[in-house]
C-alpha atoms as a PDB file:
ATOM      1  CA  MET A   1    -127.616 182.129 106.704  1.00  0.00           C
ATOM      2  CA  PRO A   2    -127.369 180.909 103.015  1.00  0.00           C
ATOM      3  CA  SER A   3    -124.126 181.861 101.284  1.00  0.00           C
ATOM      4  CA  SER A   4    -123.889 183.912  98.267  1.00  0.00           C
ATOM      5  CA  ALA A   5    -123.966 180.762  95.851  1.00  0.00           C
ATOM      6  CA  GLU A   6    -127.061 179.811  97.282  1.00  0.00           C
ATOM      7  CA  PRO A   7    -130.459 181.613  95.767  1.00  0.00           C
ATOM      8  CA  LEU A   8    -132.433 184.661  98.046  1.00  0.00           C
ATOM      9  CA  ASN A   9    -135.438 183.306  99.342  1.00  0.00           C
ATOM     10  CA  VAL A  10    -138.336 186.398 100.765  1.00  0.00           C
ATOM     11  CA  ASP A  11    -141.356 185.817 101.248  1.00  0.00           C
ATOM     12  CA  PRO A  12    -142.723 189.488 101.010  1.00  0.00           C
ATOM     13  CA  ASP A  13    -146.346 188.043 103.345  1.00  0.00           C
ATOM     14  CA  GLU A  14    -143.813 187.223 106.444  1.00  0.00           C
ATOM     15  CA  LEU A  15    -142.243 190.611 105.708  1.00  0.00           C
ATOM     16  CA  ARG A  16    -145.644 192.472 105.871  1.00  0.00           C
ATOM     17  CA  LEU A  17    -146.661 189.662 109.055  1.00  0.00           C
ATOM     18  CA  THR A  18    -143.530 190.789 110.601  1.00  0.00           C
ATOM     19  CA  ALA A  19    -143.959 194.953 110.023  1.00  0.00           C
ATOM     20  CA  ASP A  20    -147.608 194.674 111.510  1.00  0.00           C
ATOM     21  CA  HIS A  21    -146.126 192.532 114.693  1.00  0.00           C
ATOM     22  CA  LEU A  22    -143.304 195.460 114.988  1.00  0.00           C
ATOM     23  CA  ASP A  23    -146.109 198.249 114.752  1.00  0.00           C
ATOM     24  CA  ALA A  24    -148.120 196.223 117.345  1.00  0.00           C
ATOM     25  CA  HIS A  25    -144.880 196.326 119.709  1.00  0.00           C
ATOM     26  CA  ALA A  26    -144.355 199.649 119.029  1.00  0.00           C
ATOM     27  CA  SER A  27    -148.036 200.476 119.672  1.00  0.00           C
ATOM     28  CA  GLU A  28    -148.003 198.980 122.859  1.00  0.00           C
ATOM     29  CA  PHE A  29    -144.482 199.778 123.874  1.00  0.00           C
ATOM     30  CA  LEU A  30    -145.555 203.755 124.046  1.00  0.00           C
ATOM     31  CA  SER A  31    -148.698 203.250 125.450  1.00  0.00           C
ATOM     32  CA  SER A  32    -147.238 201.746 128.488  1.00  0.00           C
ATOM     33  CA  HIS A  33    -144.255 204.022 128.119  1.00  0.00           C
ATOM     34  CA  GLN A  34    -146.738 207.111 128.268  1.00  0.00           C
ATOM     35  CA  GLY A  35    -148.649 205.656 131.290  1.00  0.00           C
ATOM     36  CA  THR A  36    -145.760 204.929 133.309  1.00  0.00           C
ATOM     37  CA  HIS A  37    -144.757 208.373 132.661  1.00  0.00           C
ATOM     38  CA  ALA A  38    -147.739 209.928 133.305  1.00  0.00           C
ATOM     39  CA  ARG A  39    -147.963 207.922 136.751  1.00  0.00           C
ATOM     40  CA  ALA A  40    -144.056 209.140 137.071  1.00  0.00           C
ATOM     41  CA  GLY A  41    -144.372 212.285 136.971  1.00  0.00           C
ATOM     42  CA  GLN A  42    -147.613 212.935 139.746  1.00  0.00           C
ATOM     43  CA  VAL A  43    -144.916 211.756 141.867  1.00  0.00           C
ATOM     44  CA  GLN A  44    -144.284 213.847 145.181  1.00  0.00           C
ATOM     45  CA  LEU A  45    -140.673 214.169 146.388  1.00  0.00           C
ATOM     46  CA  GLY A  46    -140.714 216.407 148.619  1.00  0.00           C
ATOM     47  CA  SER A  47    -137.880 218.555 148.508  1.00  0.00           C
ATOM     48  CA  GLY A  48    -133.945 217.808 147.999  1.00  0.00           C
ATOM     49  CA  LEU A  49    -131.562 215.743 144.955  1.00  0.00           C
ATOM     50  CA  ALA A  50    -134.336 213.391 144.700  1.00  0.00           C
ATOM     51  CA  ALA A  51    -137.167 216.189 144.547  1.00  0.00           C
ATOM     52  CA  ALA A  52    -134.386 218.211 141.950  1.00  0.00           C
ATOM     53  CA  ALA A  53    -133.245 215.020 140.078  1.00  0.00           C
ATOM     54  CA  LEU A  54    -136.970 213.252 138.966  1.00  0.00           C
ATOM     55  CA  PRO A  55    -137.769 216.051 136.262  1.00  0.00           C
ATOM     56  CA  GLU A  56    -134.403 215.812 134.330  1.00  0.00           C
ATOM     57  CA  MET A  57    -134.763 212.152 134.517  1.00  0.00           C
ATOM     58  CA  LEU A  58    -138.130 212.864 133.113  1.00  0.00           C
ATOM     59  CA  ALA A  59    -137.279 214.121 130.077  1.00  0.00           C
ATOM     60  CA  GLY A  60    -134.416 211.783 129.491  1.00  0.00           C
ATOM     61  CA  TRP A  61    -136.691 208.934 129.860  1.00  0.00           C
ATOM     62  CA  GLU A  62    -139.543 210.780 127.420  1.00  0.00           C
ATOM     63  CA  ALA A  63    -136.837 210.684 124.801  1.00  0.00           C
ATOM     64  CA  ASP A  64    -135.531 207.641 125.200  1.00  0.00           C
ATOM     65  CA  GLY A  65    -139.535 206.164 124.786  1.00  0.00           C
ATOM     66  CA  THR A  66    -139.615 208.239 121.843  1.00  0.00           C
ATOM     67  CA  ARG A  67    -136.124 207.311 120.513  1.00  0.00           C
ATOM     68  CA  PHE A  68    -137.347 203.894 120.969  1.00  0.00           C
ATOM     69  CA  GLY A  69    -141.021 204.192 119.338  1.00  0.00           C
ATOM     70  CA  GLN A  70    -138.821 205.944 116.392  1.00  0.00           C
ATOM     71  CA  HIS A  71    -137.083 202.716 116.132  1.00  0.00           C
ATOM     72  CA  PHE A  72    -139.699 200.282 116.145  1.00  0.00           C
ATOM     73  CA  SER A  73    -141.597 202.351 113.122  1.00  0.00           C
ATOM     74  CA  ALA A  74    -138.353 202.352 111.381  1.00  0.00           C
ATOM     75  CA  HIS A  75    -137.796 198.566 111.329  1.00  0.00           C
ATOM     76  CA  ALA A  76    -141.483 198.197 110.587  1.00  0.00           C
ATOM     77  CA  GLU A  77    -141.325 200.825 107.488  1.00  0.00           C
ATOM     78  CA  GLY A  78    -137.998 198.725 106.435  1.00  0.00           C
ATOM     79  CA  HIS A  79    -139.748 195.590 106.130  1.00  0.00           C
ATOM     80  CA  LYS A  80    -142.677 196.893 104.296  1.00  0.00           C
ATOM     81  CA  THR A  81    -140.806 198.860 101.696  1.00  0.00           C
ATOM     82  CA  ALA A  82    -138.685 195.545 101.307  1.00  0.00           C
ATOM     83  CA  ALA A  83    -141.920 193.208 100.623  1.00  0.00           C
ATOM     84  CA  VAL A  84    -142.808 196.213  98.295  1.00  0.00           C
ATOM     85  CA  LYS A  85    -139.019 195.573  96.120  1.00  0.00           C
ATOM     86  CA  TYR A  86    -139.181 192.394  95.831  1.00  0.00           C
ATOM     87  CA  VAL A  87    -142.592 192.129  94.992  1.00  0.00           C
ATOM     88  CA  ARG A  88    -141.807 194.390  92.537  1.00  0.00           C
ATOM     89  CA  THR A  89    -138.483 192.653  91.298  1.00  0.00           C
ATOM     90  CA  ASP A  90    -140.370 189.561  91.020  1.00  0.00           C
ATOM     91  CA  THR A  91    -143.137 190.754  88.581  1.00  0.00           C
ATOM     92  CA  GLY A  92    -140.918 192.553  86.456  1.00  0.00           C
ATOM     93  CA  ASN A  93    -138.515 189.280  86.180  1.00  0.00           C
ATOM     94  CA  ALA A  94    -141.868 187.004  85.790  1.00  0.00           C
ATOM     95  CA  SER A  95    -142.927 189.926  83.249  1.00  0.00           C
ATOM     96  CA  GLY A  96    -138.971 189.393  81.581  1.00  0.00           C
ATOM     97  CA  ILE A  97    -139.284 185.623  81.288  1.00  0.00           C
ATOM     98  CA  THR A  98    -143.176 185.693  80.279  1.00  0.00           C
ATOM     99  CA  ASP A  99    -142.004 188.409  77.561  1.00  0.00           C
ATOM    100  CA  ALA A 100    -138.866 185.944  76.369  1.00  0.00           C
ATOM    101  CA  GLY A 101    -140.562 182.855  76.116  1.00  0.00           C
ATOM    102  CA  SER A 102    -142.838 184.612  73.715  1.00  0.00           C
ATOM    103  CA  GLY A 103    -140.493 185.438  71.264  1.00  0.00           C
ATOM    104  CA  LEU A 104    -139.432 181.648  71.299  1.00  0.00           C
END
């Protein structure tokens, strides 16, 4: 990690690429999770403690899956937002430099 004395170099394209990868991971995760959840919900355990525990376990698992999916999405959106802000800042700074140069 660079020190505060070093310039920060950010490639907005890399941020967008990472966001796309995070979105793809989220999609793959949710698809796999939903399929596995559906299959687990079909299990017939009969009676007893295991049968009684299964619905609660599946509900917790579903909540975890939702939370993980939101986590992927939030990180992807953060990368997309950062890319937009870096481009906006660079564009604004470039305009300021051009304006200063033309005034000389």
